[in-house]
């Protein structure tokens, strides 16, 4: 499966069930704005700073967690927290929406 990072014009091949945040960071994809760089929780789903926009392939992702539902309630449906998102098929992602 492939994660396509749109802004970075980079494709990353991953195994099914891969964590979106982990794969982005392993491939030098910058997920965080300045605030996120200073205050991120390290991928534990507690800060809400790793927001990404899913451009295509939303159906290939794990369901939103309760924390995501709460943090992203005023954001578009296409927004996800990378640390809470598992990839189960091809997906296109826009970082720092």
C-alpha atoms as a PDB file:
ATOM      1  CA  UNK A   1       0.000   0.000   0.000  1.00  0.00           C
ATOM      2  CA  UNK A   2       1.071   3.545  -0.614  1.00  0.00           C
ATOM      3  CA  UNK A   3       0.660   6.773   1.318  1.00  0.00           C
ATOM      4  CA  UNK A   4       0.990   9.751  -1.015  1.00  0.00           C
ATOM      5  CA  UNK A   5       2.040  12.969   0.704  1.00  0.00           C
ATOM      6  CA  UNK A   6       0.655  15.601  -1.665  1.00  0.00           C
ATOM      7  CA  UNK A   7       2.585  18.768  -0.630  1.00  0.00           C
ATOM      8  CA  UNK A   8       5.870  16.869  -0.419  1.00  0.00           C
ATOM      9  CA  UNK A   9       5.238  14.968  -3.689  1.00  0.00           C
ATOM     10  CA  UNK A  10       6.387  11.773  -1.989  1.00  0.00           C
ATOM     11  CA  UNK A  11       5.027   8.221  -2.007  1.00  0.00           C
ATOM     12  CA  UNK A  12       5.711   5.931   0.949  1.00  0.00           C
ATOM     13  CA  UNK A  13       5.071   2.182   0.739  1.00  0.00           C
ATOM     14  CA  UNK A  14       3.711   0.758   4.006  1.00  0.00           C
ATOM     15  CA  UNK A  15       2.330  -2.481   5.423  1.00  0.00           C
ATOM     16  CA  UNK A  16      -1.357  -2.806   6.249  1.00  0.00           C
ATOM     17  CA  UNK A  17      -2.200  -1.312   9.638  1.00  0.00           C
ATOM     18  CA  UNK A  18       0.733   1.133   9.605  1.00  0.00           C
ATOM     19  CA  UNK A  19       0.421   4.224  11.813  1.00  0.00           C
ATOM     20  CA  UNK A  20       0.255   7.353   9.644  1.00  0.00           C
ATOM     21  CA  UNK A  21       2.299   9.555  12.028  1.00  0.00           C
ATOM     22  CA  UNK A  22       5.069   6.993  12.459  1.00  0.00           C
ATOM     23  CA  UNK A  23       5.447   6.438   8.715  1.00  0.00           C
ATOM     24  CA  UNK A  24       5.467  10.176   8.003  1.00  0.00           C
ATOM     25  CA  UNK A  25       8.195  10.863  10.561  1.00  0.00           C
ATOM     26  CA  UNK A  26      10.253   7.833   9.440  1.00  0.00           C
ATOM     27  CA  UNK A  27      10.249   9.312   5.934  1.00  0.00           C
ATOM     28  CA  UNK A  28      11.164  12.883   6.925  1.00  0.00           C
ATOM     29  CA  UNK A  29       7.645  14.245   6.353  1.00  0.00           C
ATOM     30  CA  UNK A  30       7.078  17.274   8.594  1.00  0.00           C
ATOM     31  CA  UNK A  31       3.629  17.032  10.215  1.00  0.00           C
ATOM     32  CA  UNK A  32       3.909  19.832  12.727  1.00  0.00           C
ATOM     33  CA  UNK A  33       3.582  23.603  12.688  1.00  0.00           C
ATOM     34  CA  UNK A  34       5.811  25.529  15.105  1.00  0.00           C
ATOM     35  CA  UNK A  35       3.331  25.053  17.968  1.00  0.00           C
ATOM     36  CA  UNK A  36       3.194  21.324  17.284  1.00  0.00           C
ATOM     37  CA  UNK A  37       6.968  21.030  17.168  1.00  0.00           C
ATOM     38  CA  UNK A  38       7.202  22.599  20.608  1.00  0.00           C
ATOM     39  CA  UNK A  39       4.209  20.937  22.241  1.00  0.00           C
ATOM     40  CA  UNK A  40       3.422  17.595  20.592  1.00  0.00           C
ATOM     41  CA  UNK A  41       2.662  14.618  22.821  1.00  0.00           C
ATOM     42  CA  UNK A  42       4.869  12.165  20.931  1.00  0.00           C
ATOM     43  CA  UNK A  43       2.050  10.285  19.247  1.00  0.00           C
ATOM     44  CA  UNK A  44      -0.101   9.410  22.254  1.00  0.00           C
ATOM     45  CA  UNK A  45      -3.222  11.118  20.932  1.00  0.00           C
ATOM     46  CA  UNK A  46      -3.369  13.777  23.638  1.00  0.00           C
ATOM     47  CA  UNK A  47      -2.436  17.080  22.005  1.00  0.00           C
ATOM     48  CA  UNK A  48      -4.158  17.233  18.602  1.00  0.00           C
ATOM     49  CA  UNK A  49      -1.207  18.861  16.788  1.00  0.00           C
ATOM     50  CA  UNK A  50      -0.651  16.204  14.078  1.00  0.00           C
ATOM     51  CA  UNK A  51      -3.711  17.159  12.019  1.00  0.00           C
ATOM     52  CA  UNK A  52      -3.654  16.085   8.366  1.00  0.00           C
ATOM     53  CA  UNK A  53      -6.209  16.311   5.572  1.00  0.00           C
ATOM     54  CA  UNK A  54      -7.124  13.119   3.734  1.00  0.00           C
ATOM     55  CA  UNK A  55      -7.389  14.012   0.043  1.00  0.00           C
ATOM     56  CA  UNK A  56      -8.271  10.488  -1.147  1.00  0.00           C
ATOM     57  CA  UNK A  57      -8.688   7.039   0.389  1.00  0.00           C
ATOM     58  CA  UNK A  58     -10.624   7.911   3.570  1.00  0.00           C
ATOM     59  CA  UNK A  59     -12.307   4.505   3.297  1.00  0.00           C
ATOM     60  CA  UNK A  60      -8.881   2.858   3.694  1.00  0.00           C
ATOM     61  CA  UNK A  61      -8.283   4.267   7.176  1.00  0.00           C
ATOM     62  CA  UNK A  62      -9.226   3.122  10.653  1.00  0.00           C
ATOM     63  CA  UNK A  63     -12.367   4.715  12.131  1.00  0.00           C
ATOM     64  CA  UNK A  64     -11.939   7.968  14.045  1.00  0.00           C
ATOM     65  CA  UNK A  65     -11.230   7.487  17.740  1.00  0.00           C
ATOM     66  CA  UNK A  66     -13.328   9.201  20.420  1.00  0.00           C
ATOM     67  CA  UNK A  67     -10.474  11.659  21.009  1.00  0.00           C
ATOM     68  CA  UNK A  68     -10.367  12.517  17.294  1.00  0.00           C
ATOM     69  CA  UNK A  69     -14.131  13.057  17.243  1.00  0.00           C
ATOM     70  CA  UNK A  70     -13.754  15.511  20.154  1.00  0.00           C
ATOM     71  CA  UNK A  71     -10.668  17.398  18.909  1.00  0.00           C
ATOM     72  CA  UNK A  72     -11.779  17.609  15.271  1.00  0.00           C
ATOM     73  CA  UNK A  73     -15.491  18.291  15.847  1.00  0.00           C
ATOM     74  CA  UNK A  74     -15.331  21.768  14.254  1.00  0.00           C
ATOM     75  CA  UNK A  75     -12.977  20.706  11.440  1.00  0.00           C
ATOM     76  CA  UNK A  76     -13.900  19.224   8.036  1.00  0.00           C
ATOM     77  CA  UNK A  77     -14.696  15.488   7.949  1.00  0.00           C
ATOM     78  CA  UNK A  78     -11.557  14.931   5.861  1.00  0.00           C
ATOM     79  CA  UNK A  79      -9.276  15.912   8.777  1.00  0.00           C
ATOM     80  CA  UNK A  80      -7.589  13.220  10.900  1.00  0.00           C
ATOM     81  CA  UNK A  81      -4.978  13.034  13.639  1.00  0.00           C
ATOM     82  CA  UNK A  82      -2.024  11.209  12.101  1.00  0.00           C
ATOM     83  CA  UNK A  83      -1.108   9.518  15.398  1.00  0.00           C
ATOM     84  CA  UNK A  84      -4.571   7.949  15.683  1.00  0.00           C
ATOM     85  CA  UNK A  85      -4.855   6.839  12.055  1.00  0.00           C
ATOM     86  CA  UNK A  86      -4.040   3.346  10.800  1.00  0.00           C
ATOM     87  CA  UNK A  87      -3.619   2.853   7.055  1.00  0.00           C
ATOM     88  CA  UNK A  88      -5.318  -0.170   5.447  1.00  0.00           C
ATOM     89  CA  UNK A  89      -5.076   0.802   1.776  1.00  0.00           C
ATOM     90  CA  UNK A  90      -3.856   3.536  -0.591  1.00  0.00           C
ATOM     91  CA  UNK A  91      -4.347   7.057   0.720  1.00  0.00           C
ATOM     92  CA  UNK A  92      -3.387  10.634  -0.240  1.00  0.00           C
ATOM     93  CA  UNK A  93      -2.561  13.038   2.585  1.00  0.00           C
ATOM     94  CA  UNK A  94      -2.054  16.797   2.810  1.00  0.00           C
ATOM     95  CA  UNK A  95       0.116  17.821   5.760  1.00  0.00           C
ATOM     96  CA  UNK A  96      -0.483  20.962   7.848  1.00  0.00           C
ATOM     97  CA  UNK A  97      -3.883  21.787   6.319  1.00  0.00           C
END
